[in-house]
Amino acid sequence: MDAIDRKILHELQQDASLSVAEIGNRVGLSSTPCWKRIQKLEADGVIEKRVALVNQDKIGLGVTVFVSIETGDHSEAWLKAFAEHVGAMPEVMEFYRMAGDVDYMLRVVVPDIHGYDRFYKQLIAAIPLKNVTSRFAMEKIKSTTALPLP
């Protein structure tokens, strides 16, 4: 990946709805070479997909909760069952296995505290967990999907 590819990625991360001609203009390429580079970035898996970013508040999902999970079971079978269950929960936006004192971290979006209570009850009913700690976001100060490009 060279500097032009990085410029293309920068433009796409800012607005994926731009035409190939506009992206090419912004990065100093004509449409065909720009299109070929975008196709290669997609084929190589650098660009995974193009999506619309939806404002969670405007669709009634105004509560963000960061959920830390500790487990007493670290077996492969437990992880498989846990990952399948949590991965199928639509409220879970991000799901990470962690190093350190917490085993898993989730970012969850729900409409309100009652929505989180329903989510929490579903989470703890399905899989044995040692500890679940919930942290409610009070204010979103920065949120971006654009990765810093070296």
N, C-alpha and C. Protein backbone atom coordinates (compact mmCIF):
# COMPACT_ATOMS: atom_id res chain seq x y z
N MET A 1 0.84 -1.17 0.00
CA MET A 1 0.00 0.00 0.00
C MET A 1 0.89 1.24 0.00
N ASP A 2 0.62 2.15 -0.91
CA ASP A 2 1.45 3.35 -1.02
C ASP A 2 0.66 4.59 -0.57
N ALA A 3 1.27 5.74 -0.76
CA ALA A 3 0.67 7.00 -0.31
C ALA A 3 -0.67 7.28 -1.00
N ILE A 4 -0.79 6.93 -2.27
CA ILE A 4 -2.06 7.16 -2.99
C ILE A 4 -3.16 6.28 -2.40
N ASP A 5 -2.84 5.02 -2.11
CA ASP A 5 -3.83 4.14 -1.49
C ASP A 5 -4.29 4.72 -0.16
N ARG A 6 -3.35 5.26 0.62
CA ARG A 6 -3.70 5.85 1.91
C ARG A 6 -4.61 7.07 1.72
N LYS A 7 -4.33 7.86 0.70
CA LYS A 7 -5.20 9.02 0.41
C LYS A 7 -6.60 8.55 0.02
N ILE A 8 -6.67 7.50 -0.78
CA ILE A 8 -7.98 6.95 -1.18
C ILE A 8 -8.73 6.47 0.07
N LEU A 9 -8.03 5.74 0.94
CA LEU A 9 -8.67 5.27 2.17
C LEU A 9 -9.14 6.43 3.04
N HIS A 10 -8.33 7.48 3.11
CA HIS A 10 -8.73 8.66 3.88
C HIS A 10 -10.04 9.22 3.33
N GLU A 11 -10.11 9.40 2.04
CA GLU A 11 -11.31 9.96 1.42
C GLU A 11 -12.53 9.06 1.64
N LEU A 12 -12.34 7.75 1.47
CA LEU A 12 -13.46 6.82 1.67
C LEU A 12 -13.92 6.79 3.12
N GLN A 13 -12.98 6.92 4.06
CA GLN A 13 -13.37 6.93 5.47
C GLN A 13 -14.14 8.20 5.83
N GLN A 14 -13.91 9.26 5.10
CA GLN A 14 -14.64 10.50 5.36
C GLN A 14 -16.02 10.47 4.71
N ASP A 15 -16.11 9.90 3.50
CA ASP A 15 -17.39 9.86 2.79
C ASP A 15 -17.33 8.78 1.72
N ALA A 16 -17.86 7.60 2.03
CA ALA A 16 -17.82 6.48 1.10
C ALA A 16 -18.80 6.64 -0.06
N SER A 17 -19.64 7.69 0.00
CA SER A 17 -20.59 7.90 -1.10
C SER A 17 -19.99 8.72 -2.24
N LEU A 18 -18.75 9.18 -2.08
CA LEU A 18 -18.11 9.95 -3.15
C LEU A 18 -17.98 9.09 -4.40
N SER A 19 -18.12 9.72 -5.55
CA SER A 19 -17.93 8.99 -6.80
C SER A 19 -16.44 8.68 -6.99
N VAL A 20 -16.16 7.69 -7.80
CA VAL A 20 -14.77 7.34 -8.10
C VAL A 20 -14.07 8.54 -8.73
N ALA A 21 -14.78 9.26 -9.58
CA ALA A 21 -14.19 10.44 -10.23
C ALA A 21 -13.79 11.49 -9.19
N GLU A 22 -14.65 11.73 -8.19
CA GLU A 22 -14.35 12.71 -7.16
C GLU A 22 -13.17 12.26 -6.29
N ILE A 23 -13.16 10.99 -5.92
CA ILE A 23 -12.04 10.47 -5.14
C ILE A 23 -10.75 10.61 -5.94
N GLY A 24 -10.79 10.21 -7.20
CA GLY A 24 -9.62 10.33 -8.07
C GLY A 24 -9.13 11.76 -8.15
N ASN A 25 -10.06 12.70 -8.31
CA ASN A 25 -9.70 14.11 -8.37
C ASN A 25 -9.00 14.56 -7.09
N ARG A 26 -9.50 14.10 -5.96
CA ARG A 26 -8.93 14.50 -4.68
C ARG A 26 -7.55 13.89 -4.42
N VAL A 27 -7.28 12.72 -5.01
CA VAL A 27 -5.99 12.06 -4.76
C VAL A 27 -5.03 12.18 -5.94
N GLY A 28 -5.47 12.84 -7.01
CA GLY A 28 -4.59 13.06 -8.15
C GLY A 28 -4.55 11.92 -9.16
N LEU A 29 -5.65 11.20 -9.33
CA LEU A 29 -5.74 10.11 -10.31
C LEU A 29 -6.95 10.30 -11.20
N SER A 30 -6.91 9.73 -12.38
CA SER A 30 -8.11 9.69 -13.20
C SER A 30 -9.00 8.55 -12.68
N SER A 31 -10.21 8.48 -13.18
CA SER A 31 -11.21 7.54 -12.65
C SER A 31 -10.78 6.08 -12.73
N THR A 32 -10.26 5.65 -13.90
CA THR A 32 -9.96 4.22 -14.06
C THR A 32 -8.86 3.73 -13.12
N PRO A 33 -7.70 4.41 -13.01
CA PRO A 33 -6.71 3.93 -12.06
C PRO A 33 -7.21 4.00 -10.61
N CYS A 34 -8.01 5.00 -10.29
CA CYS A 34 -8.57 5.11 -8.94
C CYS A 34 -9.51 3.94 -8.68
N TRP A 35 -10.38 3.63 -9.61
CA TRP A 35 -11.31 2.52 -9.48
C TRP A 35 -10.55 1.20 -9.30
N LYS A 36 -9.48 1.01 -10.07
CA LYS A 36 -8.67 -0.22 -9.97
C LYS A 36 -8.03 -0.34 -8.59
N ARG A 37 -7.57 0.77 -8.06
CA ARG A 37 -6.97 0.75 -6.71
C ARG A 37 -8.02 0.42 -5.65
N ILE A 38 -9.20 1.00 -5.77
CA ILE A 38 -10.27 0.71 -4.83
C ILE A 38 -10.64 -0.77 -4.91
N GLN A 39 -10.74 -1.29 -6.12
CA GLN A 39 -11.06 -2.71 -6.30
C GLN A 39 -10.00 -3.60 -5.66
N LYS A 40 -8.74 -3.23 -5.79
CA LYS A 40 -7.64 -4.01 -5.19
C LYS A 40 -7.70 -3.93 -3.68
N LEU A 41 -7.98 -2.74 -3.15
CA LEU A 41 -8.10 -2.60 -1.69
C LEU A 41 -9.25 -3.46 -1.15
N GLU A 42 -10.32 -3.56 -1.92
CA GLU A 42 -11.44 -4.42 -1.52
C GLU A 42 -11.05 -5.89 -1.63
N ALA A 43 -10.42 -6.27 -2.73
CA ALA A 43 -10.01 -7.67 -2.94
C ALA A 43 -9.01 -8.12 -1.88
N ASP A 44 -8.14 -7.21 -1.45
CA ASP A 44 -7.14 -7.54 -0.43
C ASP A 44 -7.70 -7.52 0.99
N GLY A 45 -8.96 -7.12 1.14
CA GLY A 45 -9.58 -7.09 2.45
C GLY A 45 -9.25 -5.85 3.27
N VAL A 46 -8.57 -4.87 2.66
CA VAL A 46 -8.28 -3.62 3.36
C VAL A 46 -9.59 -2.86 3.57
N ILE A 47 -10.39 -2.80 2.53
CA ILE A 47 -11.75 -2.24 2.64
C ILE A 47 -12.67 -3.44 2.84
N GLU A 48 -13.26 -3.53 4.02
CA GLU A 48 -14.12 -4.66 4.33
C GLU A 48 -15.53 -4.48 3.76
N LYS A 49 -16.08 -3.29 3.93
CA LYS A 49 -17.41 -2.99 3.40
C LYS A 49 -17.66 -1.50 3.50
N ARG A 50 -18.69 -1.04 2.82
CA ARG A 50 -19.08 0.36 2.88
C ARG A 50 -20.48 0.41 3.46
N VAL A 51 -20.66 1.26 4.46
CA VAL A 51 -21.92 1.29 5.20
C VAL A 51 -22.38 2.73 5.43
N ALA A 52 -23.63 2.87 5.84
CA ALA A 52 -24.14 4.16 6.29
C ALA A 52 -24.03 4.19 7.81
N LEU A 53 -23.54 5.28 8.35
CA LEU A 53 -23.45 5.45 9.80
C LEU A 53 -24.74 6.12 10.27
N VAL A 54 -25.41 5.48 11.21
CA VAL A 54 -26.71 5.94 11.69
C VAL A 54 -26.54 6.57 13.07
N ASN A 55 -27.18 7.70 13.28
CA ASN A 55 -27.14 8.39 14.57
C ASN A 55 -28.00 7.61 15.56
N GLN A 56 -27.37 7.01 16.57
CA GLN A 56 -28.10 6.13 17.49
C GLN A 56 -29.16 6.88 18.29
N ASP A 57 -28.91 8.15 18.62
CA ASP A 57 -29.91 8.93 19.36
C ASP A 57 -31.17 9.14 18.53
N LYS A 58 -30.99 9.40 17.24
CA LYS A 58 -32.14 9.70 16.37
C LYS A 58 -33.04 8.49 16.13
N ILE A 59 -32.52 7.29 16.41
CA ILE A 59 -33.36 6.09 16.24
C ILE A 59 -33.73 5.48 17.59
N GLY A 60 -33.56 6.25 18.65
CA GLY A 60 -34.03 5.82 19.96
C GLY A 60 -33.11 4.89 20.72
N LEU A 61 -31.82 4.90 20.40
CA LEU A 61 -30.85 4.07 21.13
C LEU A 61 -29.86 4.99 21.83
N GLY A 62 -30.36 5.78 22.75
CA GLY A 62 -29.58 6.85 23.37
C GLY A 62 -28.66 6.45 24.50
N VAL A 63 -28.68 5.18 24.92
CA VAL A 63 -27.86 4.76 26.05
C VAL A 63 -26.75 3.83 25.56
N THR A 64 -25.51 4.20 25.88
CA THR A 64 -24.35 3.35 25.59
C THR A 64 -23.80 2.83 26.90
N VAL A 65 -23.56 1.52 26.93
CA VAL A 65 -23.05 0.88 28.14
C VAL A 65 -21.81 0.08 27.78
N PHE A 66 -20.76 0.25 28.56
CA PHE A 66 -19.55 -0.55 28.42
C PHE A 66 -19.63 -1.63 29.49
N VAL A 67 -19.61 -2.87 29.06
CA VAL A 67 -19.82 -4.00 29.96
C VAL A 67 -18.53 -4.81 30.05
N SER A 68 -17.99 -4.88 31.27
CA SER A 68 -16.80 -5.69 31.55
C SER A 68 -17.26 -7.03 32.11
N ILE A 69 -16.68 -8.10 31.58
CA ILE A 69 -17.09 -9.44 32.01
C ILE A 69 -15.87 -10.23 32.45
N GLU A 70 -16.02 -10.87 33.60
CA GLU A 70 -15.01 -11.81 34.08
C GLU A 70 -15.67 -13.18 34.13
N THR A 71 -14.91 -14.20 33.77
CA THR A 71 -15.41 -15.56 33.80
C THR A 71 -14.47 -16.45 34.60
N GLY A 72 -15.00 -17.50 35.15
CA GLY A 72 -14.16 -18.49 35.83
C GLY A 72 -13.79 -19.63 34.91
N ASP A 73 -14.40 -19.67 33.74
CA ASP A 73 -14.17 -20.76 32.79
C ASP A 73 -13.49 -20.19 31.55
N HIS A 74 -12.32 -20.70 31.24
CA HIS A 74 -11.58 -20.23 30.06
C HIS A 74 -11.43 -21.33 29.02
N SER A 75 -12.33 -22.29 29.06
CA SER A 75 -12.24 -23.41 28.12
C SER A 75 -12.70 -22.98 26.73
N GLU A 76 -12.25 -23.73 25.75
CA GLU A 76 -12.63 -23.44 24.37
C GLU A 76 -14.13 -23.62 24.17
N ALA A 77 -14.70 -24.63 24.81
CA ALA A 77 -16.14 -24.88 24.67
C ALA A 77 -16.95 -23.74 25.26
N TRP A 78 -16.52 -23.22 26.44
CA TRP A 78 -17.22 -22.11 27.06
C TRP A 78 -17.15 -20.87 26.15
N LEU A 79 -15.94 -20.58 25.67
CA LEU A 79 -15.76 -19.40 24.80
C LEU A 79 -16.62 -19.51 23.55
N LYS A 80 -16.68 -20.69 22.95
CA LYS A 80 -17.49 -20.86 21.74
C LYS A 80 -18.96 -20.56 22.04
N ALA A 81 -19.47 -21.13 23.12
CA ALA A 81 -20.88 -20.89 23.48
C ALA A 81 -21.12 -19.43 23.83
N PHE A 82 -20.20 -18.83 24.57
CA PHE A 82 -20.33 -17.42 24.96
C PHE A 82 -20.29 -16.51 23.73
N ALA A 83 -19.33 -16.75 22.85
CA ALA A 83 -19.20 -15.92 21.65
C ALA A 83 -20.42 -16.04 20.75
N GLU A 84 -20.97 -17.22 20.63
CA GLU A 84 -22.18 -17.41 19.81
C GLU A 84 -23.36 -16.66 20.42
N HIS A 85 -23.52 -16.79 21.72
CA HIS A 85 -24.65 -16.12 22.39
C HIS A 85 -24.53 -14.60 22.31
N VAL A 86 -23.38 -14.08 22.73
CA VAL A 86 -23.20 -12.62 22.75
C VAL A 86 -23.19 -12.07 21.32
N GLY A 87 -22.55 -12.78 20.41
CA GLY A 87 -22.51 -12.32 19.02
C GLY A 87 -23.87 -12.21 18.37
N ALA A 88 -24.84 -12.97 18.87
CA ALA A 88 -26.19 -12.94 18.31
C ALA A 88 -27.07 -11.86 18.94
N MET A 89 -26.57 -11.19 19.96
CA MET A 89 -27.37 -10.16 20.64
C MET A 89 -27.24 -8.84 19.87
N PRO A 90 -28.33 -8.33 19.30
CA PRO A 90 -28.24 -7.15 18.44
C PRO A 90 -27.78 -5.89 19.16
N GLU A 91 -27.94 -5.83 20.47
CA GLU A 91 -27.52 -4.65 21.23
C GLU A 91 -26.00 -4.52 21.31
N VAL A 92 -25.29 -5.62 21.11
CA VAL A 92 -23.83 -5.62 21.22
C VAL A 92 -23.21 -5.07 19.94
N MET A 93 -22.59 -3.92 20.05
CA MET A 93 -21.98 -3.27 18.90
C MET A 93 -20.52 -3.70 18.72
N GLU A 94 -19.83 -3.92 19.83
CA GLU A 94 -18.44 -4.37 19.79
C GLU A 94 -18.25 -5.39 20.90
N PHE A 95 -17.35 -6.36 20.64
CA PHE A 95 -17.14 -7.47 21.56
C PHE A 95 -15.67 -7.86 21.47
N TYR A 96 -14.95 -7.71 22.59
CA TYR A 96 -13.51 -7.95 22.61
C TYR A 96 -13.13 -8.93 23.72
N ARG A 97 -12.16 -9.79 23.43
CA ARG A 97 -11.48 -10.58 24.46
C ARG A 97 -10.30 -9.75 24.90
N MET A 98 -10.14 -9.58 26.22
CA MET A 98 -9.18 -8.63 26.75
C MET A 98 -8.01 -9.33 27.45
N ALA A 99 -6.93 -8.60 27.60
CA ALA A 99 -5.83 -8.99 28.47
C ALA A 99 -5.96 -8.16 29.74
N GLY A 100 -5.53 -8.72 30.86
CA GLY A 100 -5.61 -7.97 32.11
C GLY A 100 -6.66 -8.52 33.04
N ASP A 101 -7.22 -7.66 33.88
CA ASP A 101 -8.13 -8.11 34.94
C ASP A 101 -9.56 -8.36 34.46
N VAL A 102 -9.89 -7.97 33.25
CA VAL A 102 -11.21 -8.21 32.66
C VAL A 102 -11.02 -9.16 31.49
N ASP A 103 -11.91 -10.13 31.37
CA ASP A 103 -11.79 -11.12 30.30
C ASP A 103 -12.41 -10.66 28.98
N TYR A 104 -13.56 -9.98 29.05
CA TYR A 104 -14.27 -9.54 27.85
C TYR A 104 -14.84 -8.15 28.07
N MET A 105 -14.93 -7.40 26.99
CA MET A 105 -15.49 -6.05 27.04
C MET A 105 -16.50 -5.94 25.90
N LEU A 106 -17.68 -5.41 26.24
CA LEU A 106 -18.73 -5.18 25.25
C LEU A 106 -19.08 -3.71 25.21
N ARG A 107 -19.42 -3.24 24.03
CA ARG A 107 -20.08 -1.93 23.90
C ARG A 107 -21.49 -2.23 23.46
N VAL A 108 -22.45 -1.80 24.28
CA VAL A 108 -23.85 -2.13 24.09
C VAL A 108 -24.64 -0.84 23.91
N VAL A 109 -25.60 -0.83 22.99
CA VAL A 109 -26.51 0.31 22.85
C VAL A 109 -27.94 -0.17 23.08
N VAL A 110 -28.66 0.62 23.86
CA VAL A 110 -30.05 0.30 24.22
C VAL A 110 -30.84 1.60 24.28
N PRO A 111 -32.18 1.50 24.27
CA PRO A 111 -32.98 2.73 24.31
C PRO A 111 -32.95 3.43 25.66
N ASP A 112 -32.89 2.64 26.75
CA ASP A 112 -32.99 3.23 28.08
C ASP A 112 -32.52 2.22 29.11
N ILE A 113 -32.63 2.57 30.39
CA ILE A 113 -32.17 1.70 31.47
C ILE A 113 -32.97 0.40 31.50
N HIS A 114 -34.24 0.46 31.17
CA HIS A 114 -35.06 -0.76 31.13
C HIS A 114 -34.59 -1.68 30.00
N GLY A 115 -34.19 -1.09 28.89
CA GLY A 115 -33.65 -1.88 27.79
C GLY A 115 -32.35 -2.57 28.20
N TYR A 116 -31.54 -1.86 28.99
CA TYR A 116 -30.32 -2.48 29.46
C TYR A 116 -30.62 -3.60 30.46
N ASP A 117 -31.60 -3.40 31.31
CA ASP A 117 -31.97 -4.44 32.26
C ASP A 117 -32.40 -5.72 31.53
N ARG A 118 -33.18 -5.58 30.47
CA ARG A 118 -33.58 -6.75 29.66
C ARG A 118 -32.35 -7.42 29.05
N PHE A 119 -31.45 -6.61 28.49
CA PHE A 119 -30.21 -7.14 27.91
C PHE A 119 -29.41 -7.89 28.97
N TYR A 120 -29.22 -7.27 30.13
CA TYR A 120 -28.43 -7.85 31.21
C TYR A 120 -28.99 -9.21 31.64
N LYS A 121 -30.30 -9.28 31.80
CA LYS A 121 -30.93 -10.53 32.21
C LYS A 121 -30.73 -11.63 31.17
N GLN A 122 -30.79 -11.27 29.89
CA GLN A 122 -30.52 -12.25 28.84
C GLN A 122 -29.06 -12.70 28.87
N LEU A 123 -28.16 -11.77 29.10
CA LEU A 123 -26.74 -12.08 29.14
C LEU A 123 -26.41 -13.06 30.26
N ILE A 124 -26.88 -12.77 31.46
CA ILE A 124 -26.50 -13.62 32.60
C ILE A 124 -27.27 -14.93 32.65
N ALA A 125 -28.42 -15.01 31.98
CA ALA A 125 -29.21 -16.24 32.00
C ALA A 125 -28.62 -17.34 31.12
N ALA A 126 -27.90 -16.97 30.11
CA ALA A 126 -27.47 -17.94 29.10
C ALA A 126 -26.17 -18.65 29.43
N ILE A 127 -25.21 -17.94 29.99
CA ILE A 127 -23.86 -18.47 30.18
C ILE A 127 -23.39 -18.13 31.59
N PRO A 128 -22.75 -19.08 32.29
CA PRO A 128 -22.23 -18.75 33.63
C PRO A 128 -21.10 -17.73 33.56
N LEU A 129 -21.23 -16.67 34.36
CA LEU A 129 -20.24 -15.60 34.41
C LEU A 129 -19.83 -15.36 35.85
N LYS A 130 -18.59 -14.95 36.06
CA LYS A 130 -18.09 -14.67 37.41
C LYS A 130 -18.50 -13.27 37.86
N ASN A 131 -18.34 -12.28 36.97
CA ASN A 131 -18.64 -10.89 37.33
C ASN A 131 -19.01 -10.11 36.08
N VAL A 132 -20.01 -9.25 36.19
CA VAL A 132 -20.41 -8.35 35.11
C VAL A 132 -20.46 -6.95 35.69
N THR A 133 -19.70 -6.04 35.11
CA THR A 133 -19.68 -4.65 35.56
C THR A 133 -20.13 -3.76 34.40
N SER A 134 -21.09 -2.90 34.68
CA SER A 134 -21.66 -2.02 33.65
C SER A 134 -21.26 -0.59 33.93
N ARG A 135 -20.80 0.10 32.88
CA ARG A 135 -20.45 1.51 32.96
C ARG A 135 -21.26 2.25 31.91
N PHE A 136 -22.07 3.20 32.37
CA PHE A 136 -22.96 3.93 31.48
C PHE A 136 -22.28 5.21 31.01
N ALA A 137 -22.25 5.41 29.69
CA ALA A 137 -21.66 6.62 29.13
C ALA A 137 -22.60 7.79 29.39
N MET A 138 -22.06 8.87 29.91
CA MET A 138 -22.85 10.07 30.18
C MET A 138 -22.89 11.01 28.99
N GLU A 139 -21.77 11.05 28.25
CA GLU A 139 -21.66 11.97 27.11
C GLU A 139 -20.66 11.39 26.13
N LYS A 140 -21.00 11.45 24.85
CA LYS A 140 -20.07 11.03 23.80
C LYS A 140 -19.24 12.25 23.43
N ILE A 141 -17.95 12.19 23.70
CA ILE A 141 -17.07 13.31 23.43
C ILE A 141 -16.40 13.17 22.07
N LYS A 142 -16.00 11.96 21.73
CA LYS A 142 -15.43 11.70 20.41
C LYS A 142 -15.87 10.31 19.97
N SER A 143 -16.26 10.22 18.74
CA SER A 143 -16.59 8.92 18.14
C SER A 143 -16.25 9.01 16.67
N THR A 144 -15.43 8.10 16.21
CA THR A 144 -15.07 8.09 14.80
C THR A 144 -14.94 6.67 14.31
N THR A 145 -15.16 6.48 13.05
CA THR A 145 -14.90 5.19 12.45
C THR A 145 -13.66 5.24 11.58
N ALA A 146 -13.12 6.44 11.38
CA ALA A 146 -11.94 6.62 10.52
C ALA A 146 -10.68 6.24 11.28
N LEU A 147 -9.96 5.27 10.74
CA LEU A 147 -8.70 4.83 11.35
C LEU A 147 -7.59 5.84 11.01
N PRO A 148 -6.65 6.04 11.93
CA PRO A 148 -5.49 6.90 11.59
C PRO A 148 -4.59 6.14 10.62
N LEU A 149 -4.32 6.73 9.50
CA LEU A 149 -3.51 6.09 8.47
C LEU A 149 -2.07 6.53 8.58
N PRO A 150 -1.13 5.58 8.70
CA PRO A 150 0.29 5.96 8.85
C PRO A 150 0.84 6.61 7.59
